[in-house]
C-alpha atoms as a PDB file:
ATOM      1  CA  MET A   1      -3.653  16.684 -18.065  1.00  0.00           C
ATOM      2  CA  ASP A   2      -0.299  14.994 -17.489  1.00  0.00           C
ATOM      3  CA  SER A   3       0.358  12.571 -14.684  1.00  0.00           C
ATOM      4  CA  LYS A   4       2.366  13.502 -11.594  1.00  0.00           C
ATOM      5  CA  ILE A   5       5.098  11.089 -10.510  1.00  0.00           C
ATOM      6  CA  PHE A   6       6.595  10.958  -7.037  1.00  0.00           C
ATOM      7  CA  GLY A   7       9.849   9.024  -6.795  1.00  0.00           C
ATOM      8  CA  ASP A   8      11.884   7.029  -9.274  1.00  0.00           C
ATOM      9  CA  LYS A   9      10.059   4.342 -11.295  1.00  0.00           C
ATOM     10  CA  SER A  10      13.177   2.181 -11.246  1.00  0.00           C
ATOM     11  CA  ILE A  11      13.029   2.005  -7.421  1.00  0.00           C
ATOM     12  CA  PHE A  12       9.602   3.018  -6.107  1.00  0.00           C
ATOM     13  CA  ALA A  13       7.187   5.646  -7.381  1.00  0.00           C
ATOM     14  CA  ILE A  14       3.582   6.756  -6.985  1.00  0.00           C
ATOM     15  CA  GLU A  15       1.927   8.116 -10.104  1.00  0.00           C
ATOM     16  CA  THR A  16      -1.387   9.925 -10.182  1.00  0.00           C
ATOM     17  CA  LYS A  17      -3.432  11.735 -12.781  1.00  0.00           C
ATOM     18  CA  PRO A  18      -6.760  13.570 -12.438  1.00  0.00           C
ATOM     19  CA  TYR A  19      -9.817  11.604 -13.528  1.00  0.00           C
ATOM     20  CA  LYS A  20     -12.700  13.139 -15.481  1.00  0.00           C
ATOM     21  CA  ILE A  21     -14.762  13.441 -12.266  1.00  0.00           C
ATOM     22  CA  PRO A  22     -13.516  15.943  -9.628  1.00  0.00           C
ATOM     23  CA  GLN A  23     -11.918  14.481  -6.475  1.00  0.00           C
ATOM     24  CA  LYS A  24     -11.131  11.230  -8.345  1.00  0.00           C
ATOM     25  CA  HIS A  25      -7.786  10.225  -9.751  1.00  0.00           C
ATOM     26  CA  TYR A  26      -6.043   7.527 -11.682  1.00  0.00           C
ATOM     27  CA  LEU A  27      -3.318   5.843  -9.651  1.00  0.00           C
ATOM     28  CA  ARG A  28      -0.359   3.591 -10.379  1.00  0.00           C
ATOM     29  CA  ILE A  29       2.540   2.323  -8.289  1.00  0.00           C
ATOM     30  CA  TRP A  30       5.961   1.471  -9.655  1.00  0.00           C
ATOM     31  CA  PHE A  31       8.588  -0.941  -8.282  1.00  0.00           C
ATOM     32  CA  ASN A  32      11.806  -1.650 -10.214  1.00  0.00           C
ATOM     33  CA  ASP A  33      10.256  -0.330 -13.473  1.00  0.00           C
ATOM     34  CA  LYS A  34       7.216  -2.621 -13.114  1.00  0.00           C
ATOM     35  CA  VAL A  35       3.883  -0.859 -12.908  1.00  0.00           C
ATOM     36  CA  PHE A  36       0.906  -1.972 -10.828  1.00  0.00           C
ATOM     37  CA  GLY A  37      -2.420  -0.466 -11.747  1.00  0.00           C
ATOM     38  CA  ASP A  38      -3.409   1.312 -14.903  1.00  0.00           C
ATOM     39  CA  PHE A  39      -5.132   4.511 -15.836  1.00  0.00           C
ATOM     40  CA  LYS A  40      -8.397   2.790 -16.807  1.00  0.00           C
ATOM     41  CA  LYS A  41     -10.341   3.361 -13.563  1.00  0.00           C
ATOM     42  CA  GLY A  42     -10.355   6.419 -11.363  1.00  0.00           C
ATOM     43  CA  GLY A  43     -11.174   6.706  -7.707  1.00  0.00           C
ATOM     44  CA  SER A  44     -10.487   8.522  -4.488  1.00  0.00           C
ATOM     45  CA  LEU A  45      -6.928   8.956  -3.259  1.00  0.00           C
ATOM     46  CA  ASP A  46      -8.145   8.578   0.337  1.00  0.00           C
ATOM     47  CA  TYR A  47      -7.046   4.938   0.600  1.00  0.00           C
ATOM     48  CA  MET A  48      -3.520   5.748  -0.553  1.00  0.00           C
ATOM     49  CA  ILE A  49      -3.339   8.661   1.888  1.00  0.00           C
ATOM     50  CA  ASN A  50      -4.747   6.651   4.797  1.00  0.00           C
ATOM     51  CA  ALA A  51      -2.324   3.771   4.110  1.00  0.00           C
ATOM     52  CA  TYR A  52       0.620   6.097   4.767  1.00  0.00           C
ATOM     53  CA  PHE A  53      -0.651   7.029   8.219  1.00  0.00           C
ATOM     54  CA  LYS A  54      -1.562   3.404   8.984  1.00  0.00           C
ATOM     55  CA  PHE A  55       1.980   2.353   8.115  1.00  0.00           C
ATOM     56  CA  LEU A  56       3.503   5.044  10.330  1.00  0.00           C
ATOM     57  CA  LYS A  57       1.287   4.065  13.233  1.00  0.00           C
ATOM     58  CA  HIS A  58       1.849   0.296  13.023  1.00  0.00           C
ATOM     59  CA  GLN A  59       5.230  -0.047  11.310  1.00  0.00           C
ATOM     60  CA  HIS A  60       7.098  -1.525  14.271  1.00  0.00           C
ATOM     61  CA  GLY A  61       4.795  -4.538  14.447  1.00  0.00           C
ATOM     62  CA  LEU A  62       4.742  -5.358  10.747  1.00  0.00           C
ATOM     63  CA  PHE A  63       7.083  -8.317  10.612  1.00  0.00           C
ATOM     64  CA  GLU A  64       7.349 -11.895  11.835  1.00  0.00           C
ATOM     65  CA  SER A  65      10.682 -13.709  11.836  1.00  0.00           C
ATOM     66  CA  LYS A  66       9.265 -16.663   9.886  1.00  0.00           C
ATOM     67  CA  PHE A  67       8.740 -14.337   6.892  1.00  0.00           C
ATOM     68  CA  ARG A  68      12.534 -14.253   6.330  1.00  0.00           C
ATOM     69  CA  ILE A  69      12.505 -17.718   4.753  1.00  0.00           C
ATOM     70  CA  MET A  70       9.178 -17.419   2.941  1.00  0.00           C
ATOM     71  CA  SER A  71       8.436 -16.470  -0.646  1.00  0.00           C
ATOM     72  CA  ALA A  72       5.963 -13.695  -1.480  1.00  0.00           C
ATOM     73  CA  ARG A  73       3.261 -16.284  -2.227  1.00  0.00           C
ATOM     74  CA  GLU A  74       3.928 -18.083   1.066  1.00  0.00           C
ATOM     75  CA  ILE A  75       3.701 -14.829   3.044  1.00  0.00           C
ATOM     76  CA  TYR A  76       0.436 -13.918   1.329  1.00  0.00           C
ATOM     77  CA  SER A  77      -0.980 -17.396   2.004  1.00  0.00           C
ATOM     78  CA  ASP A  78       0.120 -17.259   5.631  1.00  0.00           C
ATOM     79  CA  VAL A  79      -1.455 -13.834   6.225  1.00  0.00           C
ATOM     80  CA  VAL A  80      -4.500 -13.762   3.932  1.00  0.00           C
ATOM     81  CA  LEU A  81      -5.390 -17.077   2.328  1.00  0.00           C
ATOM     82  CA  VAL A  82      -5.312 -18.865   5.684  1.00  0.00           C
ATOM     83  CA  LEU A  83      -8.651 -17.149   6.376  1.00  0.00           C
ATOM     84  CA  PHE A  84     -10.234 -19.235   3.602  1.00  0.00           C
ATOM     85  CA  THR A  85      -9.215 -22.554   5.119  1.00  0.00           C
ATOM     86  CA  GLU A  86     -10.691 -24.650   7.874  1.00  0.00           C
ATOM     87  CA  ILE A  87      -9.558 -22.916  11.046  1.00  0.00           C
ATOM     88  CA  PRO A  88     -10.953 -23.155  14.559  1.00  0.00           C
ATOM     89  CA  ASP A  89     -13.483 -20.432  15.362  1.00  0.00           C
ATOM     90  CA  GLU A  90     -11.427 -19.265  18.346  1.00  0.00           C
ATOM     91  CA  LEU A  91      -8.525 -18.417  15.980  1.00  0.00           C
ATOM     92  CA  ARG A  92     -10.595 -16.732  13.265  1.00  0.00           C
ATOM     93  CA  ALA A  93     -10.833 -13.284  14.936  1.00  0.00           C
ATOM     94  CA  GLU A  94      -7.113 -13.286  15.757  1.00  0.00           C
ATOM     95  CA  LEU A  95      -6.116 -14.257  12.209  1.00  0.00           C
ATOM     96  CA  HIS A  96      -8.522 -11.703  10.732  1.00  0.00           C
ATOM     97  CA  ALA A  97      -6.987  -8.946  12.892  1.00  0.00           C
ATOM     98  CA  ARG A  98      -3.530 -10.065  11.755  1.00  0.00           C
ATOM     99  CA  CYS A  99      -4.627  -9.864   8.125  1.00  0.00           C
ATOM    100  CA  GLU A 100      -6.019  -6.356   8.699  1.00  0.00           C
ATOM    101  CA  LYS A 101      -2.722  -5.292  10.274  1.00  0.00           C
ATOM    102  CA  TYR A 102      -0.586  -6.344   7.288  1.00  0.00           C
ATOM    103  CA  GLY A 103      -3.084  -5.578   4.532  1.00  0.00           C
ATOM    104  CA  PHE A 104      -3.057  -2.110   2.967  1.00  0.00           C
ATOM    105  CA  THR A 105      -5.809  -0.899   0.657  1.00  0.00           C
ATOM    106  CA  LEU A 106      -4.153   1.588  -1.678  1.00  0.00           C
ATOM    107  CA  GLY A 107      -6.925   2.457  -4.083  1.00  0.00           C
ATOM    108  CA  ASP A 108     -10.636   2.823  -4.515  1.00  0.00           C
ATOM    109  CA  HIS A 109     -11.132   1.162  -7.913  1.00  0.00           C
ATOM    110  CA  GLN A 110      -7.601   1.691  -9.195  1.00  0.00           C
ATOM    111  CA  PHE A 111      -6.226  -1.584  -7.783  1.00  0.00           C
ATOM    112  CA  ASN A 112      -9.147  -4.031  -8.036  1.00  0.00           C
ATOM    113  CA  ASN A 113      -6.847  -6.861  -9.138  1.00  0.00           C
ATOM    114  CA  TYR A 114      -4.245  -6.393  -6.410  1.00  0.00           C
ATOM    115  CA  SER A 115      -3.749  -6.974  -2.706  1.00  0.00           C
ATOM    116  CA  PHE A 116      -0.880  -5.298  -0.865  1.00  0.00           C
ATOM    117  CA  LEU A 117       0.919  -6.332   2.314  1.00  0.00           C
ATOM    118  CA  PHE A 118       3.474  -4.023   3.945  1.00  0.00           C
ATOM    119  CA  LEU A 119       6.283  -5.496   6.032  1.00  0.00           C
ATOM    120  CA  ASP A 120       8.770  -3.456   8.045  1.00  0.00           C
ATOM    121  CA  LEU A 121      12.261  -4.975   8.061  1.00  0.00           C
ATOM    122  CA  GLU A 122      13.417  -2.884  11.013  1.00  0.00           C
ATOM    123  CA  LYS A 123      16.841  -4.469  11.372  1.00  0.00           C
ATOM    124  CA  GLU A 124      17.686  -3.759   7.716  1.00  0.00           C
ATOM    125  CA  GLN A 125      15.871  -0.377   7.642  1.00  0.00           C
ATOM    126  CA  GLN A 126      13.823  -1.581   4.679  1.00  0.00           C
ATOM    127  CA  VAL A 127      10.188  -1.982   3.720  1.00  0.00           C
ATOM    128  CA  GLN A 128       9.026  -5.093   1.901  1.00  0.00           C
ATOM    129  CA  ILE A 129       5.866  -4.828  -0.196  1.00  0.00           C
ATOM    130  CA  VAL A 130       4.164  -8.103  -1.089  1.00  0.00           C
ATOM    131  CA  ILE A 131       1.734  -7.776  -3.985  1.00  0.00           C
ATOM    132  CA  TYR A 132      -0.760 -10.449  -4.956  1.00  0.00           C
ATOM    133  CA  GLU A 133      -2.292 -10.059  -8.405  1.00  0.00           C
ATOM    134  CA  MET A 134      -5.578 -11.740  -9.273  1.00  0.00           C
ATOM    135  CA  ASP A 135      -6.817 -10.766 -12.713  1.00  0.00           C
ATOM    136  CA  GLY A 136      -9.347 -13.599 -13.016  1.00  0.00           C
ATOM    137  CA  GLU A 137      -7.881 -14.693 -16.338  1.00  0.00           C
ATOM    138  CA  SER A 138      -4.691 -16.442 -15.266  1.00  0.00           C
ATOM    139  CA  ASP A 139      -3.157 -17.928 -12.141  1.00  0.00           C
ATOM    140  CA  ALA A 140      -2.578 -15.478  -9.325  1.00  0.00           C
ATOM    141  CA  LYS A 141       0.895 -13.958  -9.226  1.00  0.00           C
ATOM    142  CA  ALA A 142       2.853 -12.868  -6.182  1.00  0.00           C
ATOM    143  CA  TYR A 143       5.555 -10.205  -6.201  1.00  0.00           C
ATOM    144  CA  SER A 144       7.873  -8.896  -3.534  1.00  0.00           C
ATOM    145  CA  TYR A 145       9.839  -5.661  -3.554  1.00  0.00           C
ATOM    146  CA  THR A 146      12.231  -4.447  -0.890  1.00  0.00           C
ATOM    147  CA  ILE A 147      12.967  -0.719  -0.660  1.00  0.00           C
ATOM    148  CA  GLU A 148      15.123   1.334   1.658  1.00  0.00           C
ATOM    149  CA  LYS A 149      12.738   2.586   4.328  1.00  0.00           C
ATOM    150  CA  ASP A 150      13.969   6.187   4.207  1.00  0.00           C
ATOM    151  CA  TYR A 151      13.420   6.313   0.443  1.00  0.00           C
ATOM    152  CA  PHE A 152       9.979   4.698   0.693  1.00  0.00           C
ATOM    153  CA  LEU A 153       8.872   7.169   3.350  1.00  0.00           C
ATOM    154  CA  SER A 154      10.318  10.208   1.549  1.00  0.00           C
ATOM    155  CA  VAL A 155       8.494   9.351  -1.713  1.00  0.00           C
ATOM    156  CA  TYR A 156       5.262   8.626   0.134  1.00  0.00           C
ATOM    157  CA  LYS A 157       5.614  11.829   2.174  1.00  0.00           C
ATOM    158  CA  GLU A 158       6.118  13.852  -1.018  1.00  0.00           C
ATOM    159  CA  PHE A 159       2.867  12.384  -2.369  1.00  0.00           C
ATOM    160  CA  ILE A 160       1.054  13.097   0.915  1.00  0.00           C
ATOM    161  CA  ARG A 161       2.281  16.703   0.944  1.00  0.00           C
ATOM    162  CA  TYR A 162       1.062  17.189  -2.642  1.00  0.00           C
ATOM    163  CA  ALA A 163      -2.329  15.669  -1.782  1.00  0.00           C
ATOM    164  CA  TYR A 164      -2.662  17.909   1.265  1.00  0.00           C
ATOM    165  CA  GLN A 165      -1.610  21.104  -0.526  1.00  0.00           C
ATOM    166  CA  ASN A 166      -4.020  20.401  -3.385  1.00  0.00           C
ATOM    167  CA  ASP A 167      -6.917  19.268  -1.155  1.00  0.00           C
ATOM    168  CA  LEU A 168      -7.107  15.848  -2.829  1.00  0.00           C
ATOM    169  CA  LYS A 169      -8.552  13.947   0.117  1.00  0.00           C
ATOM    170  CA  LYS A 170     -12.261  13.451  -0.384  1.00  0.00           C
ATOM    171  CA  HIS A 171     -13.227  12.638   3.212  1.00  0.00           C
ATOM    172  CA  LYS A 172     -12.045  14.997   5.921  1.00  0.00           C
ATOM    173  CA  PRO A 173     -10.229  15.475   8.172  1.00  0.00           C
ATOM    174  CA  PHE A 174      -7.038  14.968   6.169  1.00  0.00           C
ATOM    175  CA  PHE A 175      -5.010  13.843   9.169  1.00  0.00           C
ATOM    176  CA  PRO A 176      -6.113  10.992  11.426  1.00  0.00           C
ATOM    177  CA  ALA A 177      -5.939  11.370  15.203  1.00  0.00           C
ATOM    178  CA  ASP A 178      -2.367  11.680  16.497  1.00  0.00           C
ATOM    179  CA  PHE A 179      -1.061  13.155  13.209  1.00  0.00           C
ATOM    180  CA  SER A 180      -0.697  16.704  11.913  1.00  0.00           C
ATOM    181  CA  TYR A 181       0.865  18.744   9.158  1.00  0.00           C
ATOM    182  CA  ASP A 182       4.177  18.551  11.031  1.00  0.00           C
ATOM    183  CA  ASP A 183       4.314  14.822  10.203  1.00  0.00           C
ATOM    184  CA  ILE A 184       4.582  15.547   6.475  1.00  0.00           C
ATOM    185  CA  ASN A 185       6.537  18.781   6.580  1.00  0.00           C
ATOM    186  CA  ASP A 186      10.319  18.471   6.576  1.00  0.00           C
END
């Protein structure tokens, strides 16, 4: 079966393809013609679906002014890698909660080598995605892609609508509390 692509690979796209086991899918994400993920491992689409609703719920708090002058690697270190350093116990819970806020799990097994952070550049009406790649064979790589927020949300919403209409979410209910079909229907 052919893959289904939502969006434009040269900007931002979500690509999925059914796996050999029902309710599991291959999953890839595209930014500026660069692909993240491959079609080697399948898994649930639940994480990708849930990430959309998490972003909608928390988008207005997903940015810190200091990020403006930081590289992708510096942002990732500041949000995630700081947890693996010597930090006072009284700060650990706060920094862990901060990491959970910015961190988005997009796949089951499809993105084992990647970590994703979503930032909302409200003033510019853009979304910045920071991707940290750890393949275990070479030095970790950090990438950053900035997309117009309206485009990002329209592509993601198209994917969500498709997942809903084709009952692709493994664990129900499809919509988390405070969301409904109206949130994905134009």
